[in-house]
C-alpha atoms as a PDB file:
ATOM      1  CA  MET A   1     184.600 128.607 133.124  1.00  0.00           C
ATOM      2  CA  THR A   2     183.058 127.705 129.642  1.00  0.00           C
ATOM      3  CA  ARG A   3     185.122 124.435 129.569  1.00  0.00           C
ATOM      4  CA  ALA A   4     183.771 123.501 133.136  1.00  0.00           C
ATOM      5  CA  VAL A   5     180.200 123.985 132.167  1.00  0.00           C
ATOM      6  CA  LEU A   6     180.679 121.942 128.870  1.00  0.00           C
ATOM      7  CA  LEU A   7     182.139 119.148 130.986  1.00  0.00           C
ATOM      8  CA  LEU A   8     179.297 119.259 133.310  1.00  0.00           C
ATOM      9  CA  VAL A   9     176.732 118.907 130.481  1.00  0.00           C
ATOM     10  CA  LEU A  10     178.619 116.023 128.795  1.00  0.00           C
ATOM     11  CA  LEU A  11     179.684 114.144 131.648  1.00  0.00           C
ATOM     12  CA  PRO A  12     176.105 112.734 132.227  1.00  0.00           C
ATOM     13  CA  LEU A  13     175.763 112.041 128.607  1.00  0.00           C
ATOM     14  CA  GLY A  14     178.791 109.746 128.720  1.00  0.00           C
ATOM     15  CA  LEU A  15     177.798 107.964 131.844  1.00  0.00           C
ATOM     16  CA  ALA A  16     174.456 107.354 130.325  1.00  0.00           C
ATOM     17  CA  CYS A  17     176.016 105.770 127.254  1.00  0.00           C
ATOM     18  CA  ALA A  18     178.202 103.472 129.464  1.00  0.00           C
ATOM     19  CA  SER A  19     175.025 101.952 131.363  1.00  0.00           C
ATOM     20  CA  SER A  20     174.414  98.335 131.469  1.00  0.00           C
ATOM     21  CA  ASP A  21     170.801  99.106 130.834  1.00  0.00           C
ATOM     22  CA  GLU A  22     171.498  99.155 126.880  1.00  0.00           C
ATOM     23  CA  PRO A  23     170.016  96.219 125.099  1.00  0.00           C
ATOM     24  CA  GLY A  24     172.435  93.477 124.654  1.00  0.00           C
ATOM     25  CA  ASP A  25     174.340  94.343 127.676  1.00  0.00           C
ATOM     26  CA  THR A  26     173.011  91.517 129.950  1.00  0.00           C
ATOM     27  CA  GLY A  27     172.350  87.891 129.631  1.00  0.00           C
ATOM     28  CA  VAL A  28     169.755  85.960 130.954  1.00  0.00           C
ATOM     29  CA  VAL A  29     169.580  82.544 133.140  1.00  0.00           C
ATOM     30  CA  VAL A  30     166.407  80.539 132.780  1.00  0.00           C
ATOM     31  CA  GLY A  31     165.274  77.160 134.048  1.00  0.00           C
ATOM     32  CA  THR A  32     163.132  75.316 136.446  1.00  0.00           C
ATOM     33  CA  VAL A  33     163.317  74.185 139.801  1.00  0.00           C
ATOM     34  CA  GLY A  34     162.286  70.810 140.773  1.00  0.00           C
ATOM     35  CA  PHE A  35     161.808  69.203 144.501  1.00  0.00           C
ATOM     36  CA  ILE A  36     162.780  65.888 145.614  1.00  0.00           C
ATOM     37  CA  GLY A  37     161.076  64.900 148.701  1.00  0.00           C
ATOM     38  CA  VAL A  38     157.820  62.519 148.961  1.00  0.00           C
ATOM     39  CA  PRO A  39     155.332  61.662 146.180  1.00  0.00           C
ATOM     40  CA  CYS A  40     152.635  64.153 145.480  1.00  0.00           C
ATOM     41  CA  LEU A  41     149.498  62.378 146.508  1.00  0.00           C
ATOM     42  CA  PRO A  42     146.290  64.831 145.827  1.00  0.00           C
ATOM     43  CA  PRO A  43     146.195  66.550 142.408  1.00  0.00           C
ATOM     44  CA  GLY A  44     147.806  69.911 142.667  1.00  0.00           C
ATOM     45  CA  GLN A  45     149.763  69.406 145.894  1.00  0.00           C
ATOM     46  CA  VAL A  46     152.804  71.557 145.813  1.00  0.00           C
ATOM     47  CA  PRO A  47     156.121  70.719 147.782  1.00  0.00           C
ATOM     48  CA  PRO A  48     157.185  69.322 150.055  1.00  0.00           C
ATOM     49  CA  CYS A  49     156.275  66.705 147.529  1.00  0.00           C
ATOM     50  CA  ASP A  50     158.219  65.564 144.281  1.00  0.00           C
ATOM     51  CA  GLY A  51     157.915  67.753 141.224  1.00  0.00           C
ATOM     52  CA  PRO A  52     158.208  71.378 140.041  1.00  0.00           C
ATOM     53  CA  TYR A  53     158.669  73.874 142.756  1.00  0.00           C
ATOM     54  CA  PRO A  54     156.407  77.079 142.529  1.00  0.00           C
ATOM     55  CA  GLY A  55     156.931  79.948 144.906  1.00  0.00           C
ATOM     56  CA  TYR A  56     160.595  78.898 145.536  1.00  0.00           C
ATOM     57  CA  ALA A  57     162.979  82.074 145.918  1.00  0.00           C
ATOM     58  CA  VAL A  58     165.843  81.559 143.442  1.00  0.00           C
ATOM     59  CA  ARG A  59     168.956  83.372 144.726  1.00  0.00           C
ATOM     60  CA  VAL A  60     171.956  84.123 142.346  1.00  0.00           C
ATOM     61  CA  TYR A  61     175.257  84.765 144.324  1.00  0.00           C
ATOM     62  CA  ASP A  62     178.631  86.222 143.157  1.00  0.00           C
ATOM     63  CA  ALA A  63     180.930  83.371 142.112  1.00  0.00           C
ATOM     64  CA  GLY A  64     182.826  83.790 145.340  1.00  0.00           C
ATOM     65  CA  LEU A  65     179.185  82.961 147.245  1.00  0.00           C
ATOM     66  CA  ARG A  66     180.204  86.357 149.272  1.00  0.00           C
ATOM     67  CA  ARG A  67     176.738  88.122 148.529  1.00  0.00           C
ATOM     68  CA  MET A  68     173.296  87.679 146.635  1.00  0.00           C
ATOM     69  CA  VAL A  69     173.199  89.587 143.504  1.00  0.00           C
ATOM     70  CA  ALA A  70     169.985  88.912 142.265  1.00  0.00           C
ATOM     71  CA  GLN A  71     166.504  86.734 143.057  1.00  0.00           C
ATOM     72  CA  ASP A  72     163.515  85.600 141.340  1.00  0.00           C
ATOM     73  CA  THR A  73     160.497  83.479 142.752  1.00  0.00           C
ATOM     74  CA  THR A  74     159.446  80.551 140.458  1.00  0.00           C
ATOM     75  CA  ASP A  75     156.252  80.474 138.767  1.00  0.00           C
ATOM     76  CA  ALA A  76     153.226  77.973 139.181  1.00  0.00           C
ATOM     77  CA  HIS A  77     155.292  75.487 137.096  1.00  0.00           C
ATOM     78  CA  GLY A  78     158.492  76.128 138.962  1.00  0.00           C
ATOM     79  CA  SER A  79     160.090  78.256 136.267  1.00  0.00           C
ATOM     80  CA  TYR A  80     162.462  81.346 136.617  1.00  0.00           C
ATOM     81  CA  SER A  81     164.107  83.819 134.465  1.00  0.00           C
ATOM     82  CA  ILE A  82     166.708  86.446 135.825  1.00  0.00           C
ATOM     83  CA  ALA A  83     168.612  89.234 133.713  1.00  0.00           C
ATOM     84  CA  LEU A  84     172.415  89.690 134.817  1.00  0.00           C
ATOM     85  CA  ALA A  85     175.318  91.599 133.887  1.00  0.00           C
ATOM     86  CA  PRO A  86     178.026  89.368 131.925  1.00  0.00           C
ATOM     87  CA  GLY A  87     180.193  87.294 134.547  1.00  0.00           C
ATOM     88  CA  GLN A  88     180.438  84.278 136.750  1.00  0.00           C
ATOM     89  CA  TYR A  89     177.533  83.430 139.302  1.00  0.00           C
ATOM     90  CA  ALA A  90     176.422  80.453 141.384  1.00  0.00           C
ATOM     91  CA  PHE A  91     173.067  79.049 142.644  1.00  0.00           C
ATOM     92  CA  VAL A  92     172.992  77.537 146.056  1.00  0.00           C
ATOM     93  CA  THR A  93     170.162  75.084 146.971  1.00  0.00           C
ATOM     94  CA  PRO A  94     169.677  72.552 149.924  1.00  0.00           C
ATOM     95  CA  ASP A  95     171.099  69.109 149.488  1.00  0.00           C
ATOM     96  CA  GLY A  96     170.076  66.935 152.154  1.00  0.00           C
ATOM     97  CA  ILE A  97     168.529  67.075 155.659  1.00  0.00           C
ATOM     98  CA  GLN A  98     171.430  68.755 157.238  1.00  0.00           C
ATOM     99  CA  PRO A  99     170.975  72.514 156.774  1.00  0.00           C
ATOM    100  CA  GLU A 100     174.681  73.181 156.143  1.00  0.00           C
ATOM    101  CA  ASN A 101     174.531  70.663 153.232  1.00  0.00           C
ATOM    102  CA  VAL A 102     174.220  72.709 150.011  1.00  0.00           C
ATOM    103  CA  ALA A 103     174.620  72.206 146.364  1.00  0.00           C
ATOM    104  CA  VAL A 104     176.608  74.678 144.527  1.00  0.00           C
ATOM    105  CA  THR A 105     175.692  75.318 140.766  1.00  0.00           C
ATOM    106  CA  PRO A 106     178.078  77.838 138.898  1.00  0.00           C
ATOM    107  CA  PHE A 107     177.260  79.510 135.740  1.00  0.00           C
ATOM    108  CA  THR A 108     178.319  82.198 133.341  1.00  0.00           C
ATOM    109  CA  ILE A 109     176.438  84.797 131.700  1.00  0.00           C
ATOM    110  CA  VAL A 110     177.586  86.238 128.403  1.00  0.00           C
ATOM    111  CA  ALA A 111     175.991  89.580 127.134  1.00  0.00           C
ATOM    112  CA  GLY A 112     173.027  89.048 124.808  1.00  0.00           C
ATOM    113  CA  ASP A 113     172.977  85.052 125.777  1.00  0.00           C
ATOM    114  CA  THR A 114     170.632  82.942 127.576  1.00  0.00           C
ATOM    115  CA  VAL A 115     171.665  80.091 129.476  1.00  0.00           C
ATOM    116  CA  THR A 116     169.476  77.296 130.995  1.00  0.00           C
ATOM    117  CA  VAL A 117     170.348  75.993 134.736  1.00  0.00           C
ATOM    118  CA  ASP A 118     167.537  73.546 136.026  1.00  0.00           C
ATOM    119  CA  LEU A 119     167.761  73.107 139.789  1.00  0.00           C
ATOM    120  CA  VAL A 120     166.865  70.417 142.230  1.00  0.00           C
ATOM    121  CA  VAL A 121     166.076  70.958 145.684  1.00  0.00           C
ATOM    122  CA  ASP A 122     166.509  67.691 147.681  1.00  0.00           C
ATOM    123  CA  THR A 123     165.907  68.244 151.636  1.00  0.00           C
ATOM    124  CA  GLY A 124     166.479  64.404 151.935  1.00  0.00           C
ATOM    125  CA  ILE A 125     163.039  63.993 153.507  1.00  0.00           C
ATOM    126  CA  ARG A 126     161.512  60.994 152.325  1.00  0.00           C
END
């Protein structure tokens, strides 16, 4: 009975040590999202016009594109930052007028590293 109680006490401690919340157990993907469309005419106009894309939902998918694993929204300058567990991932962005046309941008996360991936959203509208 004492052995069972000891296991119940120590097991959660071991699980806590295996957590990926420890510093250095994740990597970070950062970058900017730009938009290609029509020229921005009034100062401060945001997409749909050429330039940085504020408020864009950046979605990270597993390498097989089966499921979304994380997301962030770009700031006023079109920048994003997402912490991820080590592994292979991909971004999917629109590429052209047809909704089925997408650009797939694969990337790899290494624990403790930062990788920069700049994205372009091009709807083909000019």
